[in-house]
Amino acid sequence: MTTTLDRTQTSSGNERLRGAMIAANVTTEALAEHVGIDVKSAERWLSLGRTPHARHAHAAASFLHADPYHLWPAMGQRRRSAVAPQAEVVASYSTRSTVPMDLWRDVLASAAMTLDLAVANLVFLAHVVTDLPDLIGEKAAAGARVRIVIPETLTGRAPQIADALVALADRPGIQLATHAGLVADVLRADDDLLVSTPVDGMIPSLAPVLHLRRLGTAPLTGCYMASLDHLVMSAEPYMPAPIVSLRAVGE
């Protein structure tokens, strides 16, 4: 049975896929090589609207920094059962201090295509990931897209940490911005997320932390990924505080 969606994609090709390839500056040949298929198969995805096997679709979408279920909506129709939100929870921690310290860096270091950091508690992240600027630079140099959003107002050691990140901002693939409404910590490395949201009346270190892994249509992680996109789109470029020279006494 051919659905309306299938007929539309067959007659006009897959415009969502075409748009994602243009945005990522990826050719059909490059996409086919990355996924491990022949070029004619990739061309059929474009011109005939064919829906690939799930593993090929996820590999292609990751390469294009896109959502496979957005590029190929028919994939959702193939699933025998919907993904339950709780299936995306890898682990939950009652407070930030109960999270294994190595986990923060391990998750960030696992990023291959996407590294998103929306961090209200910048000092804490720099404490548990001591080589944070170097790690970010390495990921960008390896081809990952890096987006960093930090609070508009920084206190304590946070301005010094932010200045260390500014040194990376002129590198290809790295975007650094500030947002006045940032209150949570959401770290994304490809399909893995570490999420800590504030609890009224409690200091940030007492807030629970979720380790999430995106599955299928992402009923739970999808909201955090959408939040990251919203923060980046509505953020302002980070501007370091001007250096004020102190005049010597008696001048």
C-alpha atoms as a PDB file:
ATOM      1  CA  MET A   1       0.000   0.000   0.000  1.00  0.00           C
ATOM      2  CA  THR A   2       1.387   3.418  -0.978  1.00  0.00           C
ATOM      3  CA  THR A   3       0.696   6.243   1.420  1.00  0.00           C
ATOM      4  CA  THR A   4       0.311   9.900   0.490  1.00  0.00           C
ATOM      5  CA  LEU A   5       3.741  10.532   1.980  1.00  0.00           C
ATOM      6  CA  ASP A   6       5.274   7.806  -0.177  1.00  0.00           C
ATOM      7  CA  ARG A   7       3.638   9.179  -3.342  1.00  0.00           C
ATOM      8  CA  THR A   8       4.847  12.694  -2.561  1.00  0.00           C
ATOM      9  CA  GLN A   9       8.419  11.580  -2.012  1.00  0.00           C
ATOM     10  CA  THR A  10       8.394   9.406  -5.127  1.00  0.00           C
ATOM     11  CA  SER A  11       7.178  12.207  -7.403  1.00  0.00           C
ATOM     12  CA  SER A  12       9.371  15.003  -6.080  1.00  0.00           C
ATOM     13  CA  GLY A  13      12.250  13.180  -4.427  1.00  0.00           C
ATOM     14  CA  ASN A  14      13.318  13.653  -0.848  1.00  0.00           C
ATOM     15  CA  GLU A  15      13.619  17.419  -0.419  1.00  0.00           C
ATOM     16  CA  ARG A  16      14.353  17.111   3.290  1.00  0.00           C
ATOM     17  CA  LEU A  17      17.384  14.986   2.570  1.00  0.00           C
ATOM     18  CA  ARG A  18      18.449  17.296  -0.254  1.00  0.00           C
ATOM     19  CA  GLY A  19      18.193  20.321   2.038  1.00  0.00           C
ATOM     20  CA  ALA A  20      20.207  18.631   4.793  1.00  0.00           C
ATOM     21  CA  MET A  21      22.944  17.717   2.321  1.00  0.00           C
ATOM     22  CA  ILE A  22      23.105  21.278   1.021  1.00  0.00           C
ATOM     23  CA  ALA A  23      23.239  22.681   4.564  1.00  0.00           C
ATOM     24  CA  ALA A  24      26.055  20.304   5.485  1.00  0.00           C
ATOM     25  CA  ASN A  25      27.849  20.840   2.136  1.00  0.00           C
ATOM     26  CA  VAL A  26      27.860  17.081   1.523  1.00  0.00           C
ATOM     27  CA  THR A  27      27.756  15.542  -1.957  1.00  0.00           C
ATOM     28  CA  THR A  28      25.940  12.356  -2.898  1.00  0.00           C
ATOM     29  CA  GLU A  29      29.296  10.660  -3.412  1.00  0.00           C
ATOM     30  CA  ALA A  30      30.535  11.704   0.034  1.00  0.00           C
ATOM     31  CA  LEU A  31      27.323  10.557   1.688  1.00  0.00           C
ATOM     32  CA  ALA A  32      27.444   7.182  -0.028  1.00  0.00           C
ATOM     33  CA  GLU A  33      31.094   6.681   0.918  1.00  0.00           C
ATOM     34  CA  HIS A  34      30.453   7.563   4.567  1.00  0.00           C
ATOM     35  CA  VAL A  35      27.463   5.245   4.883  1.00  0.00           C
ATOM     36  CA  GLY A  36      29.121   2.439   2.925  1.00  0.00           C
ATOM     37  CA  ILE A  37      26.699   2.116   0.008  1.00  0.00           C
ATOM     38  CA  ASP A  38      26.987   2.657  -3.721  1.00  0.00           C
ATOM     39  CA  VAL A  39      26.280   6.096  -5.164  1.00  0.00           C
ATOM     40  CA  LYS A  40      23.236   4.878  -7.128  1.00  0.00           C
ATOM     41  CA  SER A  41      21.521   3.842  -3.890  1.00  0.00           C
ATOM     42  CA  ALA A  42      22.092   7.294  -2.394  1.00  0.00           C
ATOM     43  CA  GLU A  43      20.798   8.873  -5.585  1.00  0.00           C
ATOM     44  CA  ARG A  44      17.607   6.831  -5.285  1.00  0.00           C
ATOM     45  CA  TRP A  45      17.138   8.200  -1.761  1.00  0.00           C
ATOM     46  CA  LEU A  46      17.171  11.659  -3.292  1.00  0.00           C
ATOM     47  CA  SER A  47      15.396  11.263  -6.612  1.00  0.00           C
ATOM     48  CA  LEU A  48      12.856   8.538  -5.761  1.00  0.00           C
ATOM     49  CA  GLY A  49      12.350   9.187  -2.070  1.00  0.00           C
ATOM     50  CA  ARG A  50      13.419   5.678  -1.109  1.00  0.00           C
ATOM     51  CA  THR A  51      13.649   4.991   2.630  1.00  0.00           C
ATOM     52  CA  PRO A  52      16.950   3.270   3.551  1.00  0.00           C
ATOM     53  CA  HIS A  53      17.539   0.544   6.090  1.00  0.00           C
ATOM     54  CA  ALA A  54      17.588   1.890   9.638  1.00  0.00           C
ATOM     55  CA  ARG A  55      21.348   1.525  10.145  1.00  0.00           C
ATOM     56  CA  HIS A  56      22.056   3.388   6.897  1.00  0.00           C
ATOM     57  CA  ALA A  57      19.506   6.069   7.754  1.00  0.00           C
ATOM     58  CA  HIS A  58      21.017   6.683  11.192  1.00  0.00           C
ATOM     59  CA  ALA A  59      24.561   6.769   9.798  1.00  0.00           C
ATOM     60  CA  ALA A  60      23.563   9.239   7.080  1.00  0.00           C
ATOM     61  CA  ALA A  61      21.590  11.458   9.470  1.00  0.00           C
ATOM     62  CA  SER A  62      24.482  11.554  11.944  1.00  0.00           C
ATOM     63  CA  PHE A  63      26.836  12.567   9.130  1.00  0.00           C
ATOM     64  CA  LEU A  64      24.442  15.377   8.157  1.00  0.00           C
ATOM     65  CA  HIS A  65      23.732  16.480  11.759  1.00  0.00           C
ATOM     66  CA  ALA A  66      20.059  15.715  11.155  1.00  0.00           C
ATOM     67  CA  ASP A  67      17.228  13.621  12.567  1.00  0.00           C
ATOM     68  CA  PRO A  68      16.706  10.384  10.589  1.00  0.00           C
ATOM     69  CA  TYR A  69      12.982  10.411  11.386  1.00  0.00           C
ATOM     70  CA  HIS A  70      12.721  13.902   9.950  1.00  0.00           C
ATOM     71  CA  LEU A  71      14.618  12.972   6.793  1.00  0.00           C
ATOM     72  CA  TRP A  72      12.633   9.743   6.330  1.00  0.00           C
ATOM     73  CA  PRO A  73       9.250   9.963   8.134  1.00  0.00           C
ATOM     74  CA  ALA A  74       8.310   6.513   6.842  1.00  0.00           C
ATOM     75  CA  MET A  75      10.874   5.022   9.228  1.00  0.00           C
ATOM     76  CA  GLY A  76       8.465   5.655  12.079  1.00  0.00           C
ATOM     77  CA  GLN A  77       5.811   3.593  10.302  1.00  0.00           C
ATOM     78  CA  ARG A  78       8.179   0.617  10.213  1.00  0.00           C
ATOM     79  CA  ARG A  79       8.565   0.433  13.967  1.00  0.00           C
ATOM     80  CA  ARG A  80       6.463  -2.294  15.536  1.00  0.00           C
ATOM     81  CA  SER A  81       6.188  -0.441  18.819  1.00  0.00           C
ATOM     82  CA  ALA A  82       6.830   3.086  19.988  1.00  0.00           C
ATOM     83  CA  VAL A  83       9.852   3.812  22.132  1.00  0.00           C
ATOM     84  CA  ALA A  84       8.846   4.420  25.736  1.00  0.00           C
ATOM     85  CA  PRO A  85      10.430   7.521  27.293  1.00  0.00           C
ATOM     86  CA  GLN A  86      11.872   5.490  30.178  1.00  0.00           C
ATOM     87  CA  ALA A  87      13.769   3.337  27.674  1.00  0.00           C
ATOM     88  CA  GLU A  88      15.989   6.344  26.946  1.00  0.00           C
ATOM     89  CA  VAL A  89      17.145   6.624  30.567  1.00  0.00           C
ATOM     90  CA  VAL A  90      20.568   5.014  30.861  1.00  0.00           C
ATOM     91  CA  ALA A  91      20.939   6.017  34.519  1.00  0.00           C
ATOM     92  CA  SER A  92      19.552   8.498  37.019  1.00  0.00           C
ATOM     93  CA  TYR A  93      21.387  10.102  39.920  1.00  0.00           C
ATOM     94  CA  SER A  94      19.768  11.718  42.948  1.00  0.00           C
ATOM     95  CA  THR A  95      22.349  14.522  43.112  1.00  0.00           C
ATOM     96  CA  ARG A  96      25.262  15.770  41.044  1.00  0.00           C
ATOM     97  CA  SER A  97      27.756  14.426  43.573  1.00  0.00           C
ATOM     98  CA  THR A  98      26.554  10.842  43.002  1.00  0.00           C
ATOM     99  CA  VAL A  99      27.429  10.928  39.298  1.00  0.00           C
ATOM    100  CA  PRO A 100      30.705   9.072  38.628  1.00  0.00           C
ATOM    101  CA  MET A 101      33.201  11.858  38.027  1.00  0.00           C
ATOM    102  CA  ASP A 102      34.681  10.180  34.959  1.00  0.00           C
ATOM    103  CA  LEU A 103      31.268   9.998  33.299  1.00  0.00           C
ATOM    104  CA  TRP A 104      31.189  13.711  32.457  1.00  0.00           C
ATOM    105  CA  ARG A 105      34.387  13.523  30.431  1.00  0.00           C
ATOM    106  CA  ASP A 106      33.662  10.067  29.029  1.00  0.00           C
ATOM    107  CA  VAL A 107      30.382  11.252  27.533  1.00  0.00           C
ATOM    108  CA  LEU A 108      31.918  14.389  26.009  1.00  0.00           C
ATOM    109  CA  ALA A 109      34.886  12.409  24.684  1.00  0.00           C
ATOM    110  CA  SER A 110      32.509   9.992  22.923  1.00  0.00           C
ATOM    111  CA  ALA A 111      31.222  12.725  20.578  1.00  0.00           C
ATOM    112  CA  ALA A 112      32.027  12.159  16.926  1.00  0.00           C
ATOM    113  CA  MET A 113      29.580  14.415  15.062  1.00  0.00           C
ATOM    114  CA  THR A 114      27.855  16.689  17.587  1.00  0.00           C
ATOM    115  CA  LEU A 115      28.950  18.269  20.855  1.00  0.00           C
ATOM    116  CA  ASP A 116      26.460  20.656  22.481  1.00  0.00           C
ATOM    117  CA  LEU A 117      27.067  22.285  25.867  1.00  0.00           C
ATOM    118  CA  ALA A 118      24.416  24.475  27.478  1.00  0.00           C
ATOM    119  CA  VAL A 119      26.057  24.980  30.859  1.00  0.00           C
ATOM    120  CA  ALA A 120      24.748  27.188  33.643  1.00  0.00           C
ATOM    121  CA  ASN A 121      27.313  25.787  36.117  1.00  0.00           C
ATOM    122  CA  LEU A 122      30.452  26.392  34.106  1.00  0.00           C
ATOM    123  CA  VAL A 123      32.855  26.178  37.049  1.00  0.00           C
ATOM    124  CA  PHE A 124      31.621  22.703  37.957  1.00  0.00           C
ATOM    125  CA  LEU A 125      32.057  21.387  34.409  1.00  0.00           C
ATOM    126  CA  ALA A 126      35.588  22.770  34.227  1.00  0.00           C
ATOM    127  CA  HIS A 127      36.308  21.075  37.561  1.00  0.00           C
ATOM    128  CA  VAL A 128      35.205  17.586  36.460  1.00  0.00           C
ATOM    129  CA  VAL A 129      36.571  17.931  32.895  1.00  0.00           C
ATOM    130  CA  THR A 130      39.936  19.498  33.623  1.00  0.00           C
ATOM    131  CA  ASP A 131      41.023  19.570  29.965  1.00  0.00           C
ATOM    132  CA  LEU A 132      37.724  20.992  28.705  1.00  0.00           C
ATOM    133  CA  PRO A 133      39.142  23.550  26.208  1.00  0.00           C
ATOM    134  CA  ASP A 134      41.597  21.002  24.788  1.00  0.00           C
ATOM    135  CA  LEU A 135      38.875  18.355  24.490  1.00  0.00           C
ATOM    136  CA  ILE A 136      36.554  20.761  22.694  1.00  0.00           C
ATOM    137  CA  GLY A 137      39.335  21.803  20.327  1.00  0.00           C
ATOM    138  CA  GLU A 138      40.166  18.179  19.532  1.00  0.00           C
ATOM    139  CA  LYS A 139      36.549  17.340  18.753  1.00  0.00           C
ATOM    140  CA  ALA A 140      36.157  20.326  16.446  1.00  0.00           C
ATOM    141  CA  ALA A 141      39.424  19.502  14.683  1.00  0.00           C
ATOM    142  CA  ALA A 142      38.134  15.966  14.110  1.00  0.00           C
ATOM    143  CA  GLY A 143      35.031  17.343  12.365  1.00  0.00           C
ATOM    144  CA  ALA A 144      32.448  17.569  15.143  1.00  0.00           C
ATOM    145  CA  ARG A 145      30.050  20.510  15.290  1.00  0.00           C
ATOM    146  CA  VAL A 146      30.487  22.237  18.667  1.00  0.00           C
ATOM    147  CA  ARG A 147      27.903  24.613  20.137  1.00  0.00           C
ATOM    148  CA  ILE A 148      28.453  26.151  23.574  1.00  0.00           C
ATOM    149  CA  VAL A 149      25.946  28.313  25.452  1.00  0.00           C
ATOM    150  CA  ILE A 150      26.879  29.844  28.811  1.00  0.00           C
ATOM    151  CA  PRO A 151      25.065  32.290  31.138  1.00  0.00           C
ATOM    152  CA  GLU A 152      25.015  35.960  30.267  1.00  0.00           C
ATOM    153  CA  THR A 153      26.250  36.886  33.749  1.00  0.00           C
ATOM    154  CA  LEU A 154      29.337  35.089  35.024  1.00  0.00           C
ATOM    155  CA  THR A 155      30.726  35.198  38.543  1.00  0.00           C
ATOM    156  CA  GLY A 156      33.687  33.793  40.441  1.00  0.00           C
ATOM    157  CA  ARG A 157      36.032  31.745  38.233  1.00  0.00           C
ATOM    158  CA  ALA A 158      33.502  31.467  35.421  1.00  0.00           C
ATOM    159  CA  PRO A 159      34.793  34.490  33.418  1.00  0.00           C
ATOM    160  CA  GLN A 160      38.299  33.003  33.303  1.00  0.00           C
ATOM    161  CA  ILE A 161      36.920  29.677  32.093  1.00  0.00           C
ATOM    162  CA  ALA A 162      34.805  31.449  29.484  1.00  0.00           C
ATOM    163  CA  ASP A 163      37.850  33.375  28.271  1.00  0.00           C
ATOM    164  CA  ALA A 164      39.662  30.073  27.750  1.00  0.00           C
ATOM    165  CA  LEU A 165      36.768  28.953  25.559  1.00  0.00           C
ATOM    166  CA  VAL A 166      36.836  32.229  23.633  1.00  0.00           C
ATOM    167  CA  ALA A 167      40.279  31.296  22.344  1.00  0.00           C
ATOM    168  CA  LEU A 168      38.577  28.390  20.539  1.00  0.00           C
ATOM    169  CA  ALA A 169      35.673  30.360  19.090  1.00  0.00           C
ATOM    170  CA  ASP A 170      37.508  31.393  15.920  1.00  0.00           C
ATOM    171  CA  ARG A 171      38.109  27.779  14.927  1.00  0.00           C
ATOM    172  CA  PRO A 172      35.866  26.181  12.288  1.00  0.00           C
ATOM    173  CA  GLY A 173      32.952  24.269  13.768  1.00  0.00           C
ATOM    174  CA  ILE A 174      32.885  25.970  17.184  1.00  0.00           C
ATOM    175  CA  GLN A 175      30.159  28.397  18.246  1.00  0.00           C
ATOM    176  CA  LEU A 176      30.183  30.171  21.635  1.00  0.00           C
ATOM    177  CA  ALA A 177      27.261  32.271  22.855  1.00  0.00           C
ATOM    178  CA  THR A 178      25.515  33.515  26.004  1.00  0.00           C
ATOM    179  CA  HIS A 179      21.879  33.310  27.056  1.00  0.00           C
ATOM    180  CA  ALA A 180      20.193  35.312  29.809  1.00  0.00           C
ATOM    181  CA  GLY A 181      17.645  32.580  30.520  1.00  0.00           C
ATOM    182  CA  LEU A 182      20.034  29.649  30.898  1.00  0.00           C
ATOM    183  CA  VAL A 183      19.451  27.820  34.195  1.00  0.00           C
ATOM    184  CA  ALA A 184      20.034  24.111  33.464  1.00  0.00           C
ATOM    185  CA  ASP A 185      22.982  22.008  32.349  1.00  0.00           C
ATOM    186  CA  VAL A 186      22.407  19.993  29.161  1.00  0.00           C
ATOM    187  CA  LEU A 187      25.408  18.229  27.631  1.00  0.00           C
ATOM    188  CA  ARG A 188      24.963  16.372  24.356  1.00  0.00           C
ATOM    189  CA  ALA A 189      27.500  14.108  22.657  1.00  0.00           C
ATOM    190  CA  ASP A 190      25.844  12.666  19.535  1.00  0.00           C
ATOM    191  CA  ASP A 191      23.010  10.530  20.967  1.00  0.00           C
ATOM    192  CA  ASP A 192      24.079  10.699  24.642  1.00  0.00           C
ATOM    193  CA  LEU A 193      22.952  13.456  26.999  1.00  0.00           C
ATOM    194  CA  LEU A 194      23.685  14.430  30.585  1.00  0.00           C
ATOM    195  CA  VAL A 195      20.905  16.622  31.920  1.00  0.00           C
ATOM    196  CA  SER A 196      20.666  18.471  35.230  1.00  0.00           C
ATOM    197  CA  THR A 197      17.732  20.794  35.833  1.00  0.00           C
ATOM    198  CA  PRO A 198      17.378  23.129  38.832  1.00  0.00           C
ATOM    199  CA  VAL A 199      15.017  22.422  41.717  1.00  0.00           C
ATOM    200  CA  ASP A 200      13.434  25.394  43.472  1.00  0.00           C
ATOM    201  CA  GLY A 201      14.906  25.940  46.905  1.00  0.00           C
ATOM    202  CA  MET A 202      17.974  23.766  46.303  1.00  0.00           C
ATOM    203  CA  ILE A 203      21.501  24.636  45.251  1.00  0.00           C
ATOM    204  CA  PRO A 204      22.527  23.261  41.804  1.00  0.00           C
ATOM    205  CA  SER A 205      24.712  20.503  43.260  1.00  0.00           C
ATOM    206  CA  LEU A 206      21.641  18.905  44.867  1.00  0.00           C
ATOM    207  CA  ALA A 207      19.656  18.703  41.620  1.00  0.00           C
ATOM    208  CA  PRO A 208      19.159  15.240  40.069  1.00  0.00           C
ATOM    209  CA  VAL A 209      21.057  14.244  36.927  1.00  0.00           C
ATOM    210  CA  LEU A 210      19.825  12.049  34.075  1.00  0.00           C
ATOM    211  CA  HIS A 211      22.037  10.153  31.639  1.00  0.00           C
ATOM    212  CA  LEU A 212      19.928   9.770  28.494  1.00  0.00           C
ATOM    213  CA  ARG A 213      20.494   7.995  25.208  1.00  0.00           C
ATOM    214  CA  ARG A 214      18.393   8.827  22.206  1.00  0.00           C
ATOM    215  CA  LEU A 215      16.306   5.970  20.790  1.00  0.00           C
ATOM    216  CA  GLY A 216      14.049   6.005  17.749  1.00  0.00           C
ATOM    217  CA  THR A 217      11.765   9.031  17.689  1.00  0.00           C
ATOM    218  CA  ALA A 218      13.317  10.274  20.963  1.00  0.00           C
ATOM    219  CA  PRO A 219      10.189  10.891  23.085  1.00  0.00           C
ATOM    220  CA  LEU A 220      12.291  12.044  26.051  1.00  0.00           C
ATOM    221  CA  THR A 221      15.628  13.231  24.664  1.00  0.00           C
ATOM    222  CA  GLY A 222      13.865  15.056  21.836  1.00  0.00           C
ATOM    223  CA  CYS A 223      12.685  17.836  24.149  1.00  0.00           C
ATOM    224  CA  TYR A 224      16.222  18.485  25.375  1.00  0.00           C
ATOM    225  CA  MET A 225      17.592  18.476  21.821  1.00  0.00           C
ATOM    226  CA  ALA A 226      14.888  20.973  20.820  1.00  0.00           C
ATOM    227  CA  SER A 227      15.820  23.072  23.848  1.00  0.00           C
ATOM    228  CA  LEU A 228      19.469  23.114  22.759  1.00  0.00           C
ATOM    229  CA  ASP A 229      18.477  24.303  19.289  1.00  0.00           C
ATOM    230  CA  HIS A 230      16.265  27.031  20.803  1.00  0.00           C
ATOM    231  CA  LEU A 231      19.033  28.224  23.120  1.00  0.00           C
ATOM    232  CA  VAL A 232      21.558  28.431  20.308  1.00  0.00           C
ATOM    233  CA  MET A 233      19.155  30.287  18.002  1.00  0.00           C
ATOM    234  CA  SER A 234      18.156  32.827  20.668  1.00  0.00           C
ATOM    235  CA  ALA A 235      21.597  33.293  22.244  1.00  0.00           C
ATOM    236  CA  GLU A 236      23.953  36.229  21.801  1.00  0.00           C
ATOM    237  CA  PRO A 237      27.642  35.965  20.815  1.00  0.00           C
ATOM    238  CA  TYR A 238      29.896  35.912  23.865  1.00  0.00           C
ATOM    239  CA  MET A 239      31.775  39.164  24.421  1.00  0.00           C
ATOM    240  CA  PRO A 240      34.662  39.055  26.934  1.00  0.00           C
ATOM    241  CA  ALA A 241      34.635  41.762  29.581  1.00  0.00           C
ATOM    242  CA  PRO A 242      36.891  44.683  28.621  1.00  0.00           C
ATOM    243  CA  ILE A 243      40.231  44.875  30.363  1.00  0.00           C
ATOM    244  CA  VAL A 244      40.417  47.989  32.551  1.00  0.00           C
ATOM    245  CA  SER A 245      43.939  49.227  33.218  1.00  0.00           C
ATOM    246  CA  LEU A 246      44.614  50.531  36.722  1.00  0.00           C
ATOM    247  CA  ARG A 247      46.310  53.886  36.922  1.00  0.00           C
ATOM    248  CA  ALA A 248      49.219  54.148  39.337  1.00  0.00           C
ATOM    249  CA  VAL A 249      48.607  56.154  42.494  1.00  0.00           C
ATOM    250  CA  GLY A 250      49.785  59.721  42.092  1.00  0.00           C
ATOM    251  CA  GLU A 251      49.206  59.960  38.332  1.00  0.00           C
END
